[in-house]
Amino acid sequence: MSDGQKLAVVTGSTAGIGLTTAALLARAGWRVIGCARNPEKAPPLPEGVKTVRCDVASAVSVRALADIVAAQGVPLGAVVNSAG
């Protein structure tokens, strides 16, 4: 299942603190799922960051995110909520 890799979810990962946090975690060896309402507008992100569509104000969207996280095969080690 896990090879020791850590998984983090970072909301608001396409700008500001969320973007910086996602990049720092990825550089530190974490696998990062970055959440954005409009991922197509995301700037280029570092290797190890996967951006997915998620609006944390929507229960349906958060459930879909939970399914994506569960499918990673790596335990979730951190959630950083920096959504505006």
C-alpha atoms as a PDB file:
ATOM      1  CA  MET A   1       0.000   0.000   0.000  1.00  0.00           C
ATOM      2  CA  SER A   2       2.297   2.799   1.202  1.00  0.00           C
ATOM      3  CA  ASP A   3       6.010   3.036   0.587  1.00  0.00           C
ATOM      4  CA  GLY A   4       6.404   5.595   3.355  1.00  0.00           C
ATOM      5  CA  GLN A   5       5.323   8.470   1.144  1.00  0.00           C
ATOM      6  CA  LYS A   6       3.203  11.115   2.839  1.00  0.00           C
ATOM      7  CA  LEU A   7       0.004  12.513   1.317  1.00  0.00           C
ATOM      8  CA  ALA A   8      -1.319  16.015   1.928  1.00  0.00           C
ATOM      9  CA  VAL A   9      -4.431  17.813   0.754  1.00  0.00           C
ATOM     10  CA  VAL A  10      -4.075  21.585   0.338  1.00  0.00           C
ATOM     11  CA  THR A  11      -7.133  23.683  -0.421  1.00  0.00           C
ATOM     12  CA  GLY A  12      -6.765  26.976  -2.240  1.00  0.00           C
ATOM     13  CA  SER A  13      -3.605  25.629  -3.834  1.00  0.00           C
ATOM     14  CA  THR A  14      -3.518  27.850  -6.919  1.00  0.00           C
ATOM     15  CA  ALA A  15      -2.552  31.126  -5.212  1.00  0.00           C
ATOM     16  CA  GLY A  16      -1.060  32.683  -2.128  1.00  0.00           C
ATOM     17  CA  ILE A  17      -0.411  30.636   0.988  1.00  0.00           C
ATOM     18  CA  GLY A  18      -2.049  27.520  -0.472  1.00  0.00           C
ATOM     19  CA  LEU A  19       0.210  27.557  -3.532  1.00  0.00           C
ATOM     20  CA  THR A  20       3.319  28.158  -1.424  1.00  0.00           C
ATOM     21  CA  THR A  21       2.355  25.398   1.020  1.00  0.00           C
ATOM     22  CA  ALA A  22       1.663  22.885  -1.761  1.00  0.00           C
ATOM     23  CA  ALA A  23       5.019  23.662  -3.380  1.00  0.00           C
ATOM     24  CA  LEU A  24       6.954  23.376  -0.106  1.00  0.00           C
ATOM     25  CA  LEU A  25       5.322  20.064   0.798  1.00  0.00           C
ATOM     26  CA  ALA A  26       6.034  18.660  -2.674  1.00  0.00           C
ATOM     27  CA  ARG A  27       9.684  19.724  -2.467  1.00  0.00           C
ATOM     28  CA  ALA A  28       9.887  18.015   0.933  1.00  0.00           C
ATOM     29  CA  GLY A  29       8.795  14.723  -0.645  1.00  0.00           C
ATOM     30  CA  TRP A  30       5.070  14.763   0.059  1.00  0.00           C
ATOM     31  CA  ARG A  31       2.538  13.751  -2.557  1.00  0.00           C
ATOM     32  CA  VAL A  32       0.136  16.703  -2.682  1.00  0.00           C
ATOM     33  CA  ILE A  33      -3.444  16.935  -3.870  1.00  0.00           C
ATOM     34  CA  GLY A  34      -4.142  20.597  -4.435  1.00  0.00           C
ATOM     35  CA  CYS A  35      -7.755  21.705  -4.480  1.00  0.00           C
ATOM     36  CA  ALA A  36      -9.133  24.552  -6.542  1.00  0.00           C
ATOM     37  CA  ARG A  37     -12.533  25.707  -7.699  1.00  0.00           C
ATOM     38  CA  ASN A  38     -10.993  26.421 -11.109  1.00  0.00           C
ATOM     39  CA  PRO A  39      -7.974  24.133 -11.575  1.00  0.00           C
ATOM     40  CA  GLU A  40      -7.671  25.085 -15.241  1.00  0.00           C
ATOM     41  CA  LYS A  41      -6.499  28.516 -14.035  1.00  0.00           C
ATOM     42  CA  ALA A  42      -3.748  27.014 -11.879  1.00  0.00           C
ATOM     43  CA  PRO A  43      -0.198  28.185 -12.524  1.00  0.00           C
ATOM     44  CA  PRO A  44       2.423  25.540 -13.258  1.00  0.00           C
ATOM     45  CA  LEU A  45       2.877  23.522 -10.088  1.00  0.00           C
ATOM     46  CA  PRO A  46       5.885  21.515  -8.963  1.00  0.00           C
ATOM     47  CA  GLU A  47       6.216  17.807  -9.592  1.00  0.00           C
ATOM     48  CA  GLY A  48       4.287  15.907  -6.945  1.00  0.00           C
ATOM     49  CA  VAL A  49       1.302  18.289  -6.887  1.00  0.00           C
ATOM     50  CA  LYS A  50      -1.914  17.087  -8.508  1.00  0.00           C
ATOM     51  CA  THR A  51      -4.613  19.751  -8.786  1.00  0.00           C
ATOM     52  CA  VAL A  52      -8.243  18.652  -8.629  1.00  0.00           C
ATOM     53  CA  ARG A  53     -11.516  20.543  -8.789  1.00  0.00           C
ATOM     54  CA  CYS A  54     -13.029  20.979  -5.332  1.00  0.00           C
ATOM     55  CA  ASP A  55     -15.157  23.651  -3.727  1.00  0.00           C
ATOM     56  CA  VAL A  56     -14.948  23.103   0.029  1.00  0.00           C
ATOM     57  CA  ALA A  57     -18.329  24.827   0.446  1.00  0.00           C
ATOM     58  CA  SER A  58     -19.986  21.917  -1.415  1.00  0.00           C
ATOM     59  CA  ALA A  59     -20.573  18.619   0.386  1.00  0.00           C
ATOM     60  CA  VAL A  60     -20.772  16.813  -2.968  1.00  0.00           C
ATOM     61  CA  SER A  61     -17.444  18.274  -4.059  1.00  0.00           C
ATOM     62  CA  VAL A  62     -15.752  17.372  -0.761  1.00  0.00           C
ATOM     63  CA  ARG A  63     -17.103  13.801  -1.006  1.00  0.00           C
ATOM     64  CA  ALA A  64     -15.596  13.510  -4.492  1.00  0.00           C
ATOM     65  CA  LEU A  65     -12.291  14.761  -3.068  1.00  0.00           C
ATOM     66  CA  ALA A  66     -12.471  12.118  -0.322  1.00  0.00           C
ATOM     67  CA  ASP A  67     -12.877   9.450  -3.003  1.00  0.00           C
ATOM     68  CA  ILE A  68      -9.806  10.777  -4.847  1.00  0.00           C
ATOM     69  CA  VAL A  69      -7.782  10.729  -1.626  1.00  0.00           C
ATOM     70  CA  ALA A  70      -8.913   7.191  -0.784  1.00  0.00           C
ATOM     71  CA  ALA A  71      -7.861   5.987  -4.237  1.00  0.00           C
ATOM     72  CA  GLN A  72      -4.251   7.166  -3.728  1.00  0.00           C
ATOM     73  CA  GLY A  73      -3.243   4.101  -1.723  1.00  0.00           C
ATOM     74  CA  VAL A  74      -1.283   6.300   0.678  1.00  0.00           C
ATOM     75  CA  PRO A  75      -2.513   7.335   4.126  1.00  0.00           C
ATOM     76  CA  LEU A  76      -3.538  10.990   4.426  1.00  0.00           C
ATOM     77  CA  GLY A  77      -0.973  12.707   6.629  1.00  0.00           C
ATOM     78  CA  ALA A  78      -2.032  16.361   6.488  1.00  0.00           C
ATOM     79  CA  VAL A  79      -4.837  18.666   5.440  1.00  0.00           C
ATOM     80  CA  VAL A  80      -4.086  22.360   4.986  1.00  0.00           C
ATOM     81  CA  ASN A  81      -7.229  24.439   4.555  1.00  0.00           C
ATOM     82  CA  SER A  82      -6.222  27.720   2.985  1.00  0.00           C
ATOM     83  CA  ALA A  83      -9.321  28.243   0.863  1.00  0.00           C
ATOM     84  CA  GLY A  84     -10.408  31.877   0.808  1.00  0.00           C
END
